[in-house]
Amino acid sequence: MKLIFVRHGRTYFNEIRLTQGWCDSPLSRTGQKQVQDMRRQLLDIPITRAYSSNLGRAVETAEVLLEDREVELVYDKRLKEINFGIMEEEYKHYYFVF
């Protein structure tokens, strides 16, 4: 069995350098292109199961990657990114070390 982890494409908030976690910034044009490029890279790889957080950017990414495949996409809110609370959408990127 192989696991493939894919991060969503670049978002609008990424481009304007706003912090995002649970806020649902949509994919930017660059992000949409990144997802299409990833889709092409995965065309010859069999996918039997797919999981995504319920955030729009992750769902959009997963749905594009699964186009023309008969694979059920399972949504799981536990896959969401960390919630930055009041810092979301408010501050430029801060980097945390855990």
PDB file of N, CA and C in Angstrom:
ATOM      1  N   MET A   1       0.850  -1.170   0.000  1.00  0.00           N
ATOM      2  CA  MET A   1       0.000   0.000   0.000  1.00  0.00           C
ATOM      3  C   MET A   1       0.899   1.237   0.000  1.00  0.00           C
ATOM      4  N   LYS A   2       0.499   2.239  -0.762  1.00  0.00           N
ATOM      5  CA  LYS A   2       1.201   3.515  -0.798  1.00  0.00           C
ATOM      6  C   LYS A   2       0.236   4.617  -0.380  1.00  0.00           C
ATOM      7  N   LEU A   3       0.746   5.556   0.378  1.00  0.00           N
ATOM      8  CA  LEU A   3      -0.027   6.743   0.742  1.00  0.00           C
ATOM      9  C   LEU A   3       0.547   7.932  -0.010  1.00  0.00           C
ATOM     10  N   ILE A   4      -0.320   8.730  -0.567  1.00  0.00           N
ATOM     11  CA  ILE A   4       0.107   9.944  -1.256  1.00  0.00           C
ATOM     12  C   ILE A   4      -0.548  11.112  -0.533  1.00  0.00           C
ATOM     13  N   PHE A   5       0.263  11.989  -0.003  1.00  0.00           N
ATOM     14  CA  PHE A   5      -0.242  13.190   0.658  1.00  0.00           C
ATOM     15  C   PHE A   5      -0.108  14.355  -0.306  1.00  0.00           C
ATOM     16  N   VAL A   6      -1.195  15.068  -0.490  1.00  0.00           N
ATOM     17  CA  VAL A   6      -1.196  16.222  -1.394  1.00  0.00           C
ATOM     18  C   VAL A   6      -1.740  17.418  -0.632  1.00  0.00           C
ATOM     19  N   ARG A   7      -1.026  18.501  -0.719  1.00  0.00           N
ATOM     20  CA  ARG A   7      -1.515  19.740  -0.107  1.00  0.00           C
ATOM     21  C   ARG A   7      -2.304  20.491  -1.168  1.00  0.00           C
ATOM     22  N   HIS A   8      -3.286  21.238  -0.732  1.00  0.00           N
ATOM     23  CA  HIS A   8      -4.082  22.023  -1.674  1.00  0.00           C
ATOM     24  C   HIS A   8      -3.190  22.997  -2.424  1.00  0.00           C
ATOM     25  N   GLY A   9      -3.695  23.490  -3.539  1.00  0.00           N
ATOM     26  CA  GLY A   9      -2.955  24.490  -4.304  1.00  0.00           C
ATOM     27  C   GLY A   9      -2.906  25.833  -3.575  1.00  0.00           C
ATOM     28  N   ARG A  10      -2.139  26.730  -4.126  1.00  0.00           N
ATOM     29  CA  ARG A  10      -1.957  28.072  -3.554  1.00  0.00           C
ATOM     30  C   ARG A  10      -3.311  28.782  -3.479  1.00  0.00           C
ATOM     31  N   THR A  11      -3.526  29.486  -2.377  1.00  0.00           N
ATOM     32  CA  THR A  11      -4.789  30.202  -2.182  1.00  0.00           C
ATOM     33  C   THR A  11      -4.596  31.703  -2.350  1.00  0.00           C
ATOM     34  N   TYR A  12      -5.715  32.382  -2.410  1.00  0.00           N
ATOM     35  CA  TYR A  12      -5.695  33.838  -2.469  1.00  0.00           C
ATOM     36  C   TYR A  12      -4.977  34.398  -1.245  1.00  0.00           C
ATOM     37  N   PHE A  13      -5.271  33.866  -0.065  1.00  0.00           N
ATOM     38  CA  PHE A  13      -4.609  34.344   1.160  1.00  0.00           C
ATOM     39  C   PHE A  13      -3.108  34.090   1.121  1.00  0.00           C
ATOM     40  N   ASN A  14      -2.676  32.954   0.545  1.00  0.00           N
ATOM     41  CA  ASN A  14      -1.240  32.714   0.395  1.00  0.00           C
ATOM     42  C   ASN A  14      -0.601  33.843  -0.410  1.00  0.00           C
ATOM     43  N   GLU A  15      -1.279  34.256  -1.450  1.00  0.00           N
ATOM     44  CA  GLU A  15      -0.715  35.266  -2.341  1.00  0.00           C
ATOM     45  C   GLU A  15      -0.614  36.641  -1.697  1.00  0.00           C
ATOM     46  N   ILE A  16      -1.546  36.962  -0.819  1.00  0.00           N
ATOM     47  CA  ILE A  16      -1.465  38.274  -0.158  1.00  0.00           C
ATOM     48  C   ILE A  16      -0.879  38.147   1.243  1.00  0.00           C
ATOM     49  N   ARG A  17      -0.329  36.970   1.540  1.00  0.00           N
ATOM     50  CA  ARG A  17       0.422  36.691   2.766  1.00  0.00           C
ATOM     51  C   ARG A  17      -0.407  36.867   4.038  1.00  0.00           C
ATOM     52  N   LEU A  18      -1.643  36.403   4.011  1.00  0.00           N
ATOM     53  CA  LEU A  18      -2.471  36.390   5.212  1.00  0.00           C
ATOM     54  C   LEU A  18      -2.462  34.989   5.813  1.00  0.00           C
ATOM     55  N   THR A  19      -2.486  34.937   7.119  1.00  0.00           N
ATOM     56  CA  THR A  19      -2.513  33.661   7.819  1.00  0.00           C
ATOM     57  C   THR A  19      -3.865  32.993   7.605  1.00  0.00           C
ATOM     58  N   GLN A  20      -3.824  31.708   7.332  1.00  0.00           N
ATOM     59  CA  GLN A  20      -5.070  30.961   7.184  1.00  0.00           C
ATOM     60  C   GLN A  20      -4.920  29.605   7.827  1.00  0.00           C
ATOM     61  N   GLY A  21      -5.978  29.131   8.343  1.00  0.00           N
ATOM     62  CA  GLY A  21      -6.062  27.813   8.938  1.00  0.00           C
ATOM     63  C   GLY A  21      -7.446  27.291   8.611  1.00  0.00           C
ATOM     64  N   TRP A  22      -8.389  27.632   9.467  1.00  0.00           N
ATOM     65  CA  TRP A  22      -9.769  27.207   9.220  1.00  0.00           C
ATOM     66  C   TRP A  22     -10.530  28.156   8.315  1.00  0.00           C
ATOM     67  N   CYS A  23     -10.074  29.386   8.185  1.00  0.00           N
ATOM     68  CA  CYS A  23     -10.784  30.279   7.259  1.00  0.00           C
ATOM     69  C   CYS A  23     -10.635  29.688   5.860  1.00  0.00           C
ATOM     70  N   ASP A  24     -11.600  29.932   5.028  1.00  0.00           N
ATOM     71  CA  ASP A  24     -11.676  29.182   3.778  1.00  0.00           C
ATOM     72  C   ASP A  24     -11.351  30.045   2.577  1.00  0.00           C
ATOM     73  N   SER A  25     -10.099  30.385   2.417  1.00  0.00           N
ATOM     74  CA  SER A  25      -9.647  31.142   1.261  1.00  0.00           C
ATOM     75  C   SER A  25      -9.662  30.242   0.031  1.00  0.00           C
ATOM     76  N   PRO A  26     -10.216  30.718  -1.072  1.00  0.00           N
ATOM     77  CA  PRO A  26     -10.293  29.883  -2.277  1.00  0.00           C
ATOM     78  C   PRO A  26      -8.936  29.762  -2.967  1.00  0.00           C
ATOM     79  N   LEU A  27      -8.826  28.779  -3.842  1.00  0.00           N
ATOM     80  CA  LEU A  27      -7.616  28.632  -4.641  1.00  0.00           C
ATOM     81  C   LEU A  27      -7.467  29.826  -5.572  1.00  0.00           C
ATOM     82  N   SER A  28      -6.243  30.277  -5.723  1.00  0.00           N
ATOM     83  CA  SER A  28      -5.953  31.344  -6.680  1.00  0.00           C
ATOM     84  C   SER A  28      -5.791  30.715  -8.067  1.00  0.00           C
ATOM     85  N   ARG A  29      -5.600  31.535  -9.079  1.00  0.00           N
ATOM     86  CA  ARG A  29      -5.349  30.992 -10.424  1.00  0.00           C
ATOM     87  C   ARG A  29      -4.082  30.144 -10.423  1.00  0.00           C
ATOM     88  N   THR A  30      -3.070  30.622  -9.711  1.00  0.00           N
ATOM     89  CA  THR A  30      -1.832  29.842  -9.591  1.00  0.00           C
ATOM     90  C   THR A  30      -2.131  28.506  -8.930  1.00  0.00           C
ATOM     91  N   GLY A  31      -2.929  28.512  -7.872  1.00  0.00           N
ATOM     92  CA  GLY A  31      -3.295  27.280  -7.180  1.00  0.00           C
ATOM     93  C   GLY A  31      -4.067  26.323  -8.073  1.00  0.00           C
ATOM     94  N   GLN A  32      -4.977  26.859  -8.870  1.00  0.00           N
ATOM     95  CA  GLN A  32      -5.735  26.014  -9.789  1.00  0.00           C
ATOM     96  C   GLN A  32      -4.802  25.366 -10.811  1.00  0.00           C
ATOM     97  N   LYS A  33      -3.827  26.124 -11.291  1.00  0.00           N
ATOM     98  CA  LYS A  33      -2.846  25.569 -12.231  1.00  0.00           C
ATOM     99  C   LYS A  33      -2.004  24.495 -11.545  1.00  0.00           C
ATOM    100  N   GLN A  34      -1.598  24.742 -10.308  1.00  0.00           N
ATOM    101  CA  GLN A  34      -0.819  23.746  -9.568  1.00  0.00           C
ATOM    102  C   GLN A  34      -1.583  22.433  -9.444  1.00  0.00           C
ATOM    103  N   VAL A  35      -2.880  22.529  -9.165  1.00  0.00           N
ATOM    104  CA  VAL A  35      -3.704  21.327  -9.004  1.00  0.00           C
ATOM    105  C   VAL A  35      -3.826  20.586 -10.339  1.00  0.00           C
ATOM    106  N   GLN A  36      -3.998  21.325 -11.434  1.00  0.00           N
ATOM    107  CA  GLN A  36      -4.058  20.678 -12.752  1.00  0.00           C
ATOM    108  C   GLN A  36      -2.740  19.977 -13.071  1.00  0.00           C
ATOM    109  N   ASP A  37      -1.620  20.619 -12.732  1.00  0.00           N
ATOM    110  CA  ASP A  37      -0.307  20.001 -12.952  1.00  0.00           C
ATOM    111  C   ASP A  37      -0.175  18.715 -12.128  1.00  0.00           C
ATOM    112  N   MET A  38      -0.605  18.765 -10.874  1.00  0.00           N
ATOM    113  CA  MET A  38      -0.553  17.581 -10.014  1.00  0.00           C
ATOM    114  C   MET A  38      -1.458  16.482 -10.566  1.00  0.00           C
ATOM    115  N   ARG A  39      -2.618  16.865 -11.071  1.00  0.00           N
ATOM    116  CA  ARG A  39      -3.534  15.884 -11.658  1.00  0.00           C
ATOM    117  C   ARG A  39      -2.844  15.123 -12.786  1.00  0.00           C
ATOM    118  N   ARG A  40      -2.146  15.847 -13.651  1.00  0.00           N
ATOM    119  CA  ARG A  40      -1.428  15.200 -14.756  1.00  0.00           C
ATOM    120  C   ARG A  40      -0.339  14.253 -14.225  1.00  0.00           C
ATOM    121  N   GLN A  41       0.327  14.645 -13.160  1.00  0.00           N
ATOM    122  CA  GLN A  41       1.380  13.806 -12.587  1.00  0.00           C
ATOM    123  C   GLN A  41       0.819  12.517 -11.982  1.00  0.00           C
ATOM    124  N   LEU A  42      -0.420  12.563 -11.543  1.00  0.00           N
ATOM    125  CA  LEU A  42      -1.026  11.398 -10.892  1.00  0.00           C
ATOM    126  C   LEU A  42      -1.848  10.510 -11.834  1.00  0.00           C
ATOM    127  N   LEU A  43      -1.936  10.876 -13.100  1.00  0.00           N
ATOM    128  CA  LEU A  43      -2.815  10.151 -14.027  1.00  0.00           C
ATOM    129  C   LEU A  43      -2.541   8.652 -14.075  1.00  0.00           C
ATOM    130  N   ASP A  44      -1.300   8.237 -14.023  1.00  0.00           N
ATOM    131  CA  ASP A  44      -0.964   6.817 -14.154  1.00  0.00           C
ATOM    132  C   ASP A  44      -0.874   6.089 -12.815  1.00  0.00           C
ATOM    133  N   ILE A  45      -1.202   6.768 -11.748  1.00  0.00           N
ATOM    134  CA  ILE A  45      -1.135   6.160 -10.427  1.00  0.00           C
ATOM    135  C   ILE A  45      -2.545   5.751  -9.999  1.00  0.00           C
ATOM    136  N   PRO A  46      -2.743   4.466  -9.714  1.00  0.00           N
ATOM    137  CA  PRO A  46      -4.080   4.041  -9.269  1.00  0.00           C
ATOM    138  C   PRO A  46      -4.398   4.607  -7.882  1.00  0.00           C
ATOM    139  N   ILE A  47      -5.588   5.115  -7.745  1.00  0.00           N
ATOM    140  CA  ILE A  47      -6.058   5.645  -6.469  1.00  0.00           C
ATOM    141  C   ILE A  47      -7.317   4.876  -6.094  1.00  0.00           C
ATOM    142  N   THR A  48      -7.296   4.264  -4.922  1.00  0.00           N
ATOM    143  CA  THR A  48      -8.438   3.455  -4.502  1.00  0.00           C
ATOM    144  C   THR A  48      -9.254   4.110  -3.398  1.00  0.00           C
ATOM    145  N   ARG A  49      -8.641   5.028  -2.661  1.00  0.00           N
ATOM    146  CA  ARG A  49      -9.344   5.753  -1.600  1.00  0.00           C
ATOM    147  C   ARG A  49      -8.845   7.180  -1.577  1.00  0.00           C
ATOM    148  N   ALA A  50      -9.727   8.101  -1.183  1.00  0.00           N
ATOM    149  CA  ALA A  50      -9.335   9.510  -1.118  1.00  0.00           C
ATOM    150  C   ALA A  50     -10.029  10.171   0.068  1.00  0.00           C
ATOM    151  N   TYR A  51      -9.264  10.961   0.796  1.00  0.00           N
ATOM    152  CA  TYR A  51      -9.763  11.663   1.975  1.00  0.00           C
ATOM    153  C   TYR A  51      -9.392  13.135   1.857  1.00  0.00           C
ATOM    154  N   SER A  52     -10.270  13.985   2.357  1.00  0.00           N
ATOM    155  CA  SER A  52     -10.030  15.425   2.309  1.00  0.00           C
ATOM    156  C   SER A  52     -10.657  16.084   3.522  1.00  0.00           C
ATOM    157  N   SER A  53     -10.052  17.189   3.951  1.00  0.00           N
ATOM    158  CA  SER A  53     -10.746  17.998   4.954  1.00  0.00           C
ATOM    159  C   SER A  53     -11.978  18.577   4.275  1.00  0.00           C
ATOM    160  N   ASN A  54     -12.827  19.209   5.040  1.00  0.00           N
ATOM    161  CA  ASN A  54     -14.045  19.780   4.472  1.00  0.00           C
ATOM    162  C   ASN A  54     -13.872  21.248   4.076  1.00  0.00           C
ATOM    163  N   LEU A  55     -12.640  21.760   4.104  1.00  0.00           N
ATOM    164  CA  LEU A  55     -12.392  23.130   3.661  1.00  0.00           C
ATOM    165  C   LEU A  55     -12.453  23.199   2.139  1.00  0.00           C
ATOM    166  N   GLY A  56     -13.027  24.266   1.635  1.00  0.00           N
ATOM    167  CA  GLY A  56     -13.240  24.412   0.195  1.00  0.00           C
ATOM    168  C   GLY A  56     -11.996  24.221  -0.645  1.00  0.00           C
ATOM    169  N   ARG A  57     -10.864  24.788  -0.196  1.00  0.00           N
ATOM    170  CA  ARG A  57      -9.635  24.680  -0.992  1.00  0.00           C
ATOM    171  C   ARG A  57      -9.165  23.237  -1.088  1.00  0.00           C
ATOM    172  N   ALA A  58      -9.349  22.463  -0.025  1.00  0.00           N
ATOM    173  CA  ALA A  58      -8.955  21.055  -0.041  1.00  0.00           C
ATOM    174  C   ALA A  58      -9.934  20.229  -0.872  1.00  0.00           C
ATOM    175  N   VAL A  59     -11.215  20.525  -0.736  1.00  0.00           N
ATOM    176  CA  VAL A  59     -12.240  19.809  -1.505  1.00  0.00           C
ATOM    177  C   VAL A  59     -12.044  20.069  -2.994  1.00  0.00           C
ATOM    178  N   GLU A  60     -11.840  21.337  -3.364  1.00  0.00           N
ATOM    179  CA  GLU A  60     -11.628  21.670  -4.776  1.00  0.00           C
ATOM    180  C   GLU A  60     -10.407  20.929  -5.317  1.00  0.00           C
ATOM    181  N   THR A  61      -9.331  20.921  -4.553  1.00  0.00           N
ATOM    182  CA  THR A  61      -8.119  20.220  -4.974  1.00  0.00           C
ATOM    183  C   THR A  61      -8.409  18.737  -5.175  1.00  0.00           C
ATOM    184  N   ALA A  62      -9.040  18.113  -4.198  1.00  0.00           N
ATOM    185  CA  ALA A  62      -9.326  16.676  -4.285  1.00  0.00           C
ATOM    186  C   ALA A  62     -10.250  16.351  -5.457  1.00  0.00           C
ATOM    187  N   GLU A  63     -11.274  17.154  -5.654  1.00  0.00           N
ATOM    188  CA  GLU A  63     -12.213  16.876  -6.742  1.00  0.00           C
ATOM    189  C   GLU A  63     -11.538  16.961  -8.104  1.00  0.00           C
ATOM    190  N   VAL A  64     -10.644  17.912  -8.285  1.00  0.00           N
ATOM    191  CA  VAL A  64      -9.911  18.007  -9.551  1.00  0.00           C
ATOM    192  C   VAL A  64      -9.007  16.791  -9.724  1.00  0.00           C
ATOM    193  N   LEU A  65      -8.304  16.407  -8.665  1.00  0.00           N
ATOM    194  CA  LEU A  65      -7.401  15.266  -8.757  1.00  0.00           C
ATOM    195  C   LEU A  65      -8.138  13.966  -9.041  1.00  0.00           C
ATOM    196  N   LEU A  66      -9.390  13.888  -8.642  1.00  0.00           N
ATOM    197  CA  LEU A  66     -10.170  12.663  -8.823  1.00  0.00           C
ATOM    198  C   LEU A  66     -11.062  12.679 -10.062  1.00  0.00           C
ATOM    199  N   GLU A  67     -10.992  13.743 -10.862  1.00  0.00           N
ATOM    200  CA  GLU A  67     -11.810  13.803 -12.084  1.00  0.00           C
ATOM    201  C   GLU A  67     -11.574  12.537 -12.907  1.00  0.00           C
ATOM    202  N   ASP A  68     -12.646  11.995 -13.466  1.00  0.00           N
ATOM    203  CA  ASP A  68     -12.598  10.803 -14.319  1.00  0.00           C
ATOM    204  C   ASP A  68     -12.164   9.540 -13.582  1.00  0.00           C
ATOM    205  N   ARG A  69     -12.222   9.567 -12.269  1.00  0.00           N
ATOM    206  CA  ARG A  69     -11.920   8.364 -11.478  1.00  0.00           C
ATOM    207  C   ARG A  69     -13.173   8.004 -10.686  1.00  0.00           C
ATOM    208  N   GLU A  70     -13.394   6.737 -10.524  1.00  0.00           N
ATOM    209  CA  GLU A  70     -14.542   6.278  -9.740  1.00  0.00           C
ATOM    210  C   GLU A  70     -14.090   5.996  -8.315  1.00  0.00           C
ATOM    211  N   VAL A  71     -13.744   7.067  -7.619  1.00  0.00           N
ATOM    212  CA  VAL A  71     -13.257   6.962  -6.249  1.00  0.00           C
ATOM    213  C   VAL A  71     -14.106   7.883  -5.382  1.00  0.00           C
ATOM    214  N   GLU A  72     -14.658   7.341  -4.321  1.00  0.00           N
ATOM    215  CA  GLU A  72     -15.434   8.159  -3.397  1.00  0.00           C
ATOM    216  C   GLU A  72     -14.493   9.056  -2.601  1.00  0.00           C
ATOM    217  N   LEU A  73     -14.836  10.321  -2.512  1.00  0.00           N
ATOM    218  CA  LEU A  73     -14.067  11.263  -1.706  1.00  0.00           C
ATOM    219  C   LEU A  73     -14.707  11.335  -0.325  1.00  0.00           C
ATOM    220  N   VAL A  74     -13.940  10.989   0.698  1.00  0.00           N
ATOM    221  CA  VAL A  74     -14.431  10.997   2.071  1.00  0.00           C
ATOM    222  C   VAL A  74     -13.967  12.289   2.730  1.00  0.00           C
ATOM    223  N   TYR A  75     -14.920  13.039   3.261  1.00  0.00           N
ATOM    224  CA  TYR A  75     -14.613  14.312   3.920  1.00  0.00           C
ATOM    225  C   TYR A  75     -14.476  14.065   5.419  1.00  0.00           C
ATOM    226  N   ASP A  76     -13.404  14.617   5.989  1.00  0.00           N
ATOM    227  CA  ASP A  76     -13.172  14.425   7.415  1.00  0.00           C
ATOM    228  C   ASP A  76     -12.648  15.732   7.993  1.00  0.00           C
ATOM    229  N   LYS A  77     -13.439  16.350   8.855  1.00  0.00           N
ATOM    230  CA  LYS A  77     -13.050  17.644   9.411  1.00  0.00           C
ATOM    231  C   LYS A  77     -11.797  17.557  10.276  1.00  0.00           C
ATOM    232  N   ARG A  78     -11.424  16.355  10.697  1.00  0.00           N
ATOM    233  CA  ARG A  78     -10.205  16.197  11.496  1.00  0.00           C
ATOM    234  C   ARG A  78      -8.944  16.440  10.667  1.00  0.00           C
ATOM    235  N   LEU A  79      -9.086  16.501   9.354  1.00  0.00           N
ATOM    236  CA  LEU A  79      -7.942  16.765   8.477  1.00  0.00           C
ATOM    237  C   LEU A  79      -7.719  18.259   8.234  1.00  0.00           C
ATOM    238  N   LYS A  80      -8.564  19.087   8.846  1.00  0.00           N
ATOM    239  CA  LYS A  80      -8.399  20.531   8.682  1.00  0.00           C
ATOM    240  C   LYS A  80      -7.075  20.997   9.265  1.00  0.00           C
ATOM    241  N   GLU A  81      -6.601  22.111   8.746  1.00  0.00           N
ATOM    242  CA  GLU A  81      -5.370  22.700   9.266  1.00  0.00           C
ATOM    243  C   GLU A  81      -5.616  23.252  10.666  1.00  0.00           C
ATOM    244  N   ILE A  82      -4.539  23.659  11.312  1.00  0.00           N
ATOM    245  CA  ILE A  82      -4.638  24.231  12.647  1.00  0.00           C
ATOM    246  C   ILE A  82      -5.465  25.525  12.593  1.00  0.00           C
ATOM    247  N   ASN A  83      -6.225  25.766  13.640  1.00  0.00           N
ATOM    248  CA  ASN A  83      -7.029  26.988  13.727  1.00  0.00           C
ATOM    249  C   ASN A  83      -6.191  28.058  14.434  1.00  0.00           C
ATOM    250  N   PHE A  84      -5.954  29.162  13.755  1.00  0.00           N
ATOM    251  CA  PHE A  84      -5.165  30.253  14.329  1.00  0.00           C
ATOM    252  C   PHE A  84      -6.024  31.282  15.051  1.00  0.00           C
ATOM    253  N   GLY A  85      -7.301  30.990  15.224  1.00  0.00           N
ATOM    254  CA  GLY A  85      -8.192  31.867  15.991  1.00  0.00           C
ATOM    255  C   GLY A  85      -8.226  33.286  15.462  1.00  0.00           C
ATOM    256  N   ILE A  86      -8.050  34.257  16.369  1.00  0.00           N
ATOM    257  CA  ILE A  86      -8.175  35.659  15.971  1.00  0.00           C
ATOM    258  C   ILE A  86      -7.061  36.110  15.030  1.00  0.00           C
ATOM    259  N   MET A  87      -6.020  35.304  14.891  1.00  0.00           N
ATOM    260  CA  MET A  87      -4.933  35.685  13.986  1.00  0.00           C
ATOM    261  C   MET A  87      -5.263  35.383  12.526  1.00  0.00           C
ATOM    262  N   GLU A  88      -6.272  34.579  12.283  1.00  0.00           N
ATOM    263  CA  GLU A  88      -6.614  34.258  10.903  1.00  0.00           C
ATOM    264  C   GLU A  88      -7.097  35.496  10.175  1.00  0.00           C
ATOM    265  N   GLU A  89      -6.624  35.651   8.972  1.00  0.00           N
ATOM    266  CA  GLU A  89      -6.988  36.741   8.073  1.00  0.00           C
ATOM    267  C   GLU A  89      -6.480  38.097   8.544  1.00  0.00           C
ATOM    268  N   GLU A  90      -5.866  38.182   9.701  1.00  0.00           N
ATOM    269  CA  GLU A  90      -5.532  39.474  10.278  1.00  0.00           C
ATOM    270  C   GLU A  90      -4.074  39.865  10.131  1.00  0.00           C
ATOM    271  N   TYR A  91      -3.193  38.906  10.163  1.00  0.00           N
ATOM    272  CA  TYR A  91      -1.772  39.209  10.240  1.00  0.00           C
ATOM    273  C   TYR A  91      -1.019  38.599   9.072  1.00  0.00           C
ATOM    274  N   LYS A  92       0.095  39.159   8.792  1.00  0.00           N
ATOM    275  CA  LYS A  92       0.989  38.557   7.805  1.00  0.00           C
ATOM    276  C   LYS A  92       1.492  37.240   8.385  1.00  0.00           C
ATOM    277  N   HIS A  93       2.083  36.412   7.557  1.00  0.00           N
ATOM    278  CA  HIS A  93       2.534  35.083   8.001  1.00  0.00           C
ATOM    279  C   HIS A  93       3.433  35.153   9.217  1.00  0.00           C
ATOM    280  N   TYR A  94       3.114  34.345  10.181  1.00  0.00           N
ATOM    281  CA  TYR A  94       3.984  34.121  11.329  1.00  0.00           C
ATOM    282  C   TYR A  94       4.351  32.651  11.268  1.00  0.00           C
ATOM    283  N   TYR A  95       5.538  32.348  11.644  1.00  0.00           N
ATOM    284  CA  TYR A  95       5.996  30.972  11.590  1.00  0.00           C
ATOM    285  C   TYR A  95       6.136  30.446  13.004  1.00  0.00           C
ATOM    286  N   PHE A  96       5.550  29.298  13.248  1.00  0.00           N
ATOM    287  CA  PHE A  96       5.549  28.691  14.558  1.00  0.00           C
ATOM    288  C   PHE A  96       6.420  27.455  14.534  1.00  0.00           C
ATOM    289  N   VAL A  97       7.167  27.252  15.580  1.00  0.00           N
ATOM    290  CA  VAL A  97       7.964  26.045  15.718  1.00  0.00           C
ATOM    291  C   VAL A  97       7.379  25.259  16.879  1.00  0.00           C
ATOM    292  N   PHE A  98       7.030  24.017  16.624  1.00  0.00           N
ATOM    293  CA  PHE A  98       6.440  23.173  17.659  1.00  0.00           C
ATOM    294  C   PHE A  98       7.437  22.118  18.073  1.00  0.00           C
TER     295      PHE A  98
END
